[in-house]
Amino acid sequence: MELLTIGDMAARSGVAPSALRFYEREGLIRSTRTGGNQRRYERHELRRVAFIRIAQQVGMSLEEIREALAALPENRTPTKADWARLSARWRRKLEDRIAMMERLRDQLTGCIGCGCLSLQRCNLINPKDRLAERGQGAQMIVNPPA
């Protein structure tokens, strides 16, 4: 079994050694130690790191990533079936995020495109700040009217 040093792991994964140490502290990846207390990673950890990076890029929290990785096998490379199970769990959440990003794109363009850069146009869309009743933040994006 080939073990990778932290430098090899960083070079192969494109993740800084400090990030690898952080992922390990968070329980997302594992390493063994040499007699000199140097980290060594099994090759299958490369897939876990790749998964972490992709999950972070699509906006998954560390807790969501941790839960997903807990469902994967620890001592072997995940199979296609393993990944299929995991992706099914995230599919709806990703679809919701995609829809929110599309609303953001579409409404941001409209808002900036109007040219008013003031509350005048927003008063047409949200008179008397009625969306404040729905909660804090950008309610037209996060929680759009039906």
C-alpha atoms as a PDB file:
ATOM      1  CA  MET A   1       0.000   0.000   0.000  1.00  0.00           C
ATOM      2  CA  GLU A   2       1.429   3.326  -1.115  1.00  0.00           C
ATOM      3  CA  LEU A   3       1.210   6.116   1.445  1.00  0.00           C
ATOM      4  CA  LEU A   4       1.429   9.777   0.490  1.00  0.00           C
ATOM      5  CA  THR A   5       3.259  12.451   2.455  1.00  0.00           C
ATOM      6  CA  ILE A   6       1.399  15.652   3.181  1.00  0.00           C
ATOM      7  CA  GLY A   7       3.419  17.350   0.423  1.00  0.00           C
ATOM      8  CA  ASP A   8       2.490  14.623  -2.070  1.00  0.00           C
ATOM      9  CA  MET A   9      -1.130  14.813  -0.986  1.00  0.00           C
ATOM     10  CA  ALA A  10      -1.144  18.598  -1.378  1.00  0.00           C
ATOM     11  CA  ALA A  11       0.463  18.399  -4.824  1.00  0.00           C
ATOM     12  CA  ARG A  12      -1.903  15.673  -6.054  1.00  0.00           C
ATOM     13  CA  SER A  13      -5.080  17.210  -4.619  1.00  0.00           C
ATOM     14  CA  GLY A  14      -4.360  20.890  -5.238  1.00  0.00           C
ATOM     15  CA  VAL A  15      -5.107  21.610  -1.572  1.00  0.00           C
ATOM     16  CA  ALA A  16      -2.644  23.380   0.700  1.00  0.00           C
ATOM     17  CA  PRO A  17      -1.077  21.353   3.531  1.00  0.00           C
ATOM     18  CA  SER A  18      -2.774  23.666   6.030  1.00  0.00           C
ATOM     19  CA  ALA A  19      -6.167  22.782   4.515  1.00  0.00           C
ATOM     20  CA  LEU A  20      -5.336  19.075   4.715  1.00  0.00           C
ATOM     21  CA  ARG A  21      -4.483  19.461   8.394  1.00  0.00           C
ATOM     22  CA  PHE A  22      -7.754  21.362   8.898  1.00  0.00           C
ATOM     23  CA  TYR A  23      -9.764  18.635   7.123  1.00  0.00           C
ATOM     24  CA  GLU A  24      -8.083  16.079   9.350  1.00  0.00           C
ATOM     25  CA  ARG A  25      -8.848  18.038  12.536  1.00  0.00           C
ATOM     26  CA  GLU A  26     -12.472  18.255  11.374  1.00  0.00           C
ATOM     27  CA  GLY A  27     -12.585  14.484  10.872  1.00  0.00           C
ATOM     28  CA  LEU A  28     -13.119  14.730   7.119  1.00  0.00           C
ATOM     29  CA  ILE A  29      -9.964  12.816   6.189  1.00  0.00           C
ATOM     30  CA  ARG A  30      -7.555  10.556   8.046  1.00  0.00           C
ATOM     31  CA  SER A  31      -3.848   9.998   8.150  1.00  0.00           C
ATOM     32  CA  THR A  32      -1.488   7.670   9.908  1.00  0.00           C
ATOM     33  CA  ARG A  33       1.752   8.762  11.550  1.00  0.00           C
ATOM     34  CA  THR A  34       5.308   7.618  11.070  1.00  0.00           C
ATOM     35  CA  GLY A  35       7.704   7.002  13.948  1.00  0.00           C
ATOM     36  CA  GLY A  36       8.805  10.619  13.472  1.00  0.00           C
ATOM     37  CA  ASN A  37       5.153  11.785  13.771  1.00  0.00           C
ATOM     38  CA  GLN A  38       4.858  12.712  10.079  1.00  0.00           C
ATOM     39  CA  ARG A  39       1.477  12.376   8.414  1.00  0.00           C
ATOM     40  CA  ARG A  40       0.917   9.697   5.773  1.00  0.00           C
ATOM     41  CA  TYR A  41      -2.258   9.432   3.718  1.00  0.00           C
ATOM     42  CA  GLU A  42      -3.674   6.425   1.954  1.00  0.00           C
ATOM     43  CA  ARG A  43      -4.397   7.047  -1.732  1.00  0.00           C
ATOM     44  CA  HIS A  44      -8.172   6.764  -1.289  1.00  0.00           C
ATOM     45  CA  GLU A  45      -8.051   9.968   0.762  1.00  0.00           C
ATOM     46  CA  LEU A  46      -7.423  11.827  -2.525  1.00  0.00           C
ATOM     47  CA  ARG A  47     -11.013  11.091  -3.554  1.00  0.00           C
ATOM     48  CA  ARG A  48     -12.310  12.314  -0.235  1.00  0.00           C
ATOM     49  CA  VAL A  49     -10.369  15.569  -0.646  1.00  0.00           C
ATOM     50  CA  ALA A  50     -11.689  15.975  -4.208  1.00  0.00           C
ATOM     51  CA  PHE A  51     -15.207  15.411  -2.902  1.00  0.00           C
ATOM     52  CA  ILE A  52     -14.702  18.001  -0.129  1.00  0.00           C
ATOM     53  CA  ARG A  53     -13.489  20.599  -2.613  1.00  0.00           C
ATOM     54  CA  ILE A  54     -16.409  20.070  -4.984  1.00  0.00           C
ATOM     55  CA  ALA A  55     -18.924  20.085  -2.142  1.00  0.00           C
ATOM     56  CA  GLN A  56     -17.493  23.362  -0.834  1.00  0.00           C
ATOM     57  CA  GLN A  57     -17.636  24.903  -4.300  1.00  0.00           C
ATOM     58  CA  VAL A  58     -21.356  24.182  -4.568  1.00  0.00           C
ATOM     59  CA  GLY A  59     -21.935  25.700  -1.138  1.00  0.00           C
ATOM     60  CA  MET A  60     -22.244  22.697   1.143  1.00  0.00           C
ATOM     61  CA  SER A  61     -21.390  23.335   4.782  1.00  0.00           C
ATOM     62  CA  LEU A  62     -18.668  21.391   6.588  1.00  0.00           C
ATOM     63  CA  GLU A  63     -21.366  19.646   8.619  1.00  0.00           C
ATOM     64  CA  GLU A  64     -23.163  18.515   5.449  1.00  0.00           C
ATOM     65  CA  ILE A  65     -19.857  17.323   4.017  1.00  0.00           C
ATOM     66  CA  ARG A  66     -19.031  15.487   7.255  1.00  0.00           C
ATOM     67  CA  GLU A  67     -22.419  13.722   7.218  1.00  0.00           C
ATOM     68  CA  ALA A  68     -21.983  12.707   3.597  1.00  0.00           C
ATOM     69  CA  LEU A  69     -18.474  11.375   4.142  1.00  0.00           C
ATOM     70  CA  ALA A  70     -19.664   9.407   7.168  1.00  0.00           C
ATOM     71  CA  ALA A  71     -21.943   7.482   4.801  1.00  0.00           C
ATOM     72  CA  LEU A  72     -19.000   6.507   2.577  1.00  0.00           C
ATOM     73  CA  PRO A  73     -16.638   3.613   3.240  1.00  0.00           C
ATOM     74  CA  GLU A  74     -13.548   4.580   5.206  1.00  0.00           C
ATOM     75  CA  ASN A  75     -11.015   1.978   4.139  1.00  0.00           C
ATOM     76  CA  ARG A  76     -11.677   1.719   0.433  1.00  0.00           C
ATOM     77  CA  THR A  77     -12.274   3.901  -2.570  1.00  0.00           C
ATOM     78  CA  PRO A  78     -15.989   4.662  -2.914  1.00  0.00           C
ATOM     79  CA  THR A  79     -17.736   2.751  -5.682  1.00  0.00           C
ATOM     80  CA  LYS A  80     -20.128   4.116  -8.263  1.00  0.00           C
ATOM     81  CA  ALA A  81     -23.002   2.824  -6.102  1.00  0.00           C
ATOM     82  CA  ASP A  82     -21.610   4.675  -3.067  1.00  0.00           C
ATOM     83  CA  TRP A  83     -21.502   7.929  -5.016  1.00  0.00           C
ATOM     84  CA  ALA A  84     -24.988   7.336  -6.446  1.00  0.00           C
ATOM     85  CA  ARG A  85     -26.445   6.977  -2.939  1.00  0.00           C
ATOM     86  CA  LEU A  86     -24.704  10.136  -1.819  1.00  0.00           C
ATOM     87  CA  SER A  87     -25.721  12.184  -4.852  1.00  0.00           C
ATOM     88  CA  ALA A  88     -29.364  11.144  -4.428  1.00  0.00           C
ATOM     89  CA  ARG A  89     -29.321  12.596  -0.903  1.00  0.00           C
ATOM     90  CA  TRP A  90     -28.000  15.942  -2.177  1.00  0.00           C
ATOM     91  CA  ARG A  91     -29.942  16.199  -5.420  1.00  0.00           C
ATOM     92  CA  ARG A  92     -32.922  18.162  -4.032  1.00  0.00           C
ATOM     93  CA  LYS A  93     -30.711  20.484  -2.019  1.00  0.00           C
ATOM     94  CA  LEU A  94     -28.583  21.228  -5.087  1.00  0.00           C
ATOM     95  CA  GLU A  95     -31.668  21.800  -7.230  1.00  0.00           C
ATOM     96  CA  ASP A  96     -32.963  24.302  -4.645  1.00  0.00           C
ATOM     97  CA  ARG A  97     -29.621  26.107  -4.657  1.00  0.00           C
ATOM     98  CA  ILE A  98     -29.535  26.203  -8.444  1.00  0.00           C
ATOM     99  CA  ALA A  99     -33.037  27.714  -8.487  1.00  0.00           C
ATOM    100  CA  MET A 100     -31.978  30.320  -5.924  1.00  0.00           C
ATOM    101  CA  MET A 101     -28.878  31.195  -7.951  1.00  0.00           C
ATOM    102  CA  GLU A 102     -31.004  31.555 -11.095  1.00  0.00           C
ATOM    103  CA  ARG A 103     -33.404  33.895  -9.267  1.00  0.00           C
ATOM    104  CA  LEU A 104     -30.443  35.898  -8.005  1.00  0.00           C
ATOM    105  CA  ARG A 105     -28.993  36.139 -11.516  1.00  0.00           C
ATOM    106  CA  ASP A 106     -32.305  37.146 -13.069  1.00  0.00           C
ATOM    107  CA  GLN A 107     -33.375  39.627 -10.407  1.00  0.00           C
ATOM    108  CA  LEU A 108     -29.933  41.131  -9.958  1.00  0.00           C
ATOM    109  CA  THR A 109     -29.801  41.884 -13.667  1.00  0.00           C
ATOM    110  CA  GLY A 110     -33.261  43.451 -13.529  1.00  0.00           C
ATOM    111  CA  CYS A 111     -32.485  45.535 -10.462  1.00  0.00           C
ATOM    112  CA  ILE A 112     -29.179  46.837 -11.764  1.00  0.00           C
ATOM    113  CA  GLY A 113     -30.621  47.192 -15.260  1.00  0.00           C
ATOM    114  CA  CYS A 114     -33.363  49.612 -14.194  1.00  0.00           C
ATOM    115  CA  GLY A 115     -30.741  52.264 -13.518  1.00  0.00           C
ATOM    116  CA  CYS A 116     -32.508  53.873 -10.579  1.00  0.00           C
ATOM    117  CA  LEU A 117     -30.032  52.652  -7.966  1.00  0.00           C
ATOM    118  CA  SER A 118     -32.505  53.825  -5.358  1.00  0.00           C
ATOM    119  CA  LEU A 119     -35.587  52.565  -3.565  1.00  0.00           C
ATOM    120  CA  GLN A 120     -37.944  54.003  -6.208  1.00  0.00           C
ATOM    121  CA  ARG A 121     -38.103  50.839  -8.282  1.00  0.00           C
ATOM    122  CA  CYS A 122     -37.948  48.642  -5.198  1.00  0.00           C
ATOM    123  CA  ASN A 123     -40.999  50.445  -3.878  1.00  0.00           C
ATOM    124  CA  LEU A 124     -42.854  49.224  -6.944  1.00  0.00           C
ATOM    125  CA  ILE A 125     -41.811  45.645  -6.264  1.00  0.00           C
ATOM    126  CA  ASN A 126     -41.973  45.811  -2.478  1.00  0.00           C
ATOM    127  CA  PRO A 127     -44.273  48.684  -1.437  1.00  0.00           C
ATOM    128  CA  LYS A 128     -44.181  49.573   2.245  1.00  0.00           C
ATOM    129  CA  ASP A 129     -41.516  46.891   2.728  1.00  0.00           C
ATOM    130  CA  ARG A 130     -44.145  44.123   2.900  1.00  0.00           C
ATOM    131  CA  LEU A 131     -41.444  41.475   2.370  1.00  0.00           C
ATOM    132  CA  ALA A 132     -39.993  42.360   5.779  1.00  0.00           C
ATOM    133  CA  GLU A 133     -42.820  40.306   7.268  1.00  0.00           C
ATOM    134  CA  ARG A 134     -41.269  37.169   5.718  1.00  0.00           C
ATOM    135  CA  GLY A 135     -37.969  37.596   7.516  1.00  0.00           C
ATOM    136  CA  GLN A 136     -34.539  39.134   7.221  1.00  0.00           C
ATOM    137  CA  GLY A 137     -32.427  39.290   4.093  1.00  0.00           C
ATOM    138  CA  ALA A 138     -33.185  39.187   0.397  1.00  0.00           C
ATOM    139  CA  GLN A 139     -36.621  37.573   0.540  1.00  0.00           C
ATOM    140  CA  MET A 140     -37.285  37.887  -3.220  1.00  0.00           C
ATOM    141  CA  ILE A 141     -34.273  35.646  -3.796  1.00  0.00           C
ATOM    142  CA  VAL A 142     -34.322  33.345  -0.775  1.00  0.00           C
ATOM    143  CA  ASN A 143     -38.082  33.000  -0.350  1.00  0.00           C
ATOM    144  CA  PRO A 144     -39.811  34.261  -3.534  1.00  0.00           C
ATOM    145  CA  PRO A 145     -43.563  34.721  -3.688  1.00  0.00           C
ATOM    146  CA  ALA A 146     -45.427  31.809  -5.273  1.00  0.00           C
END
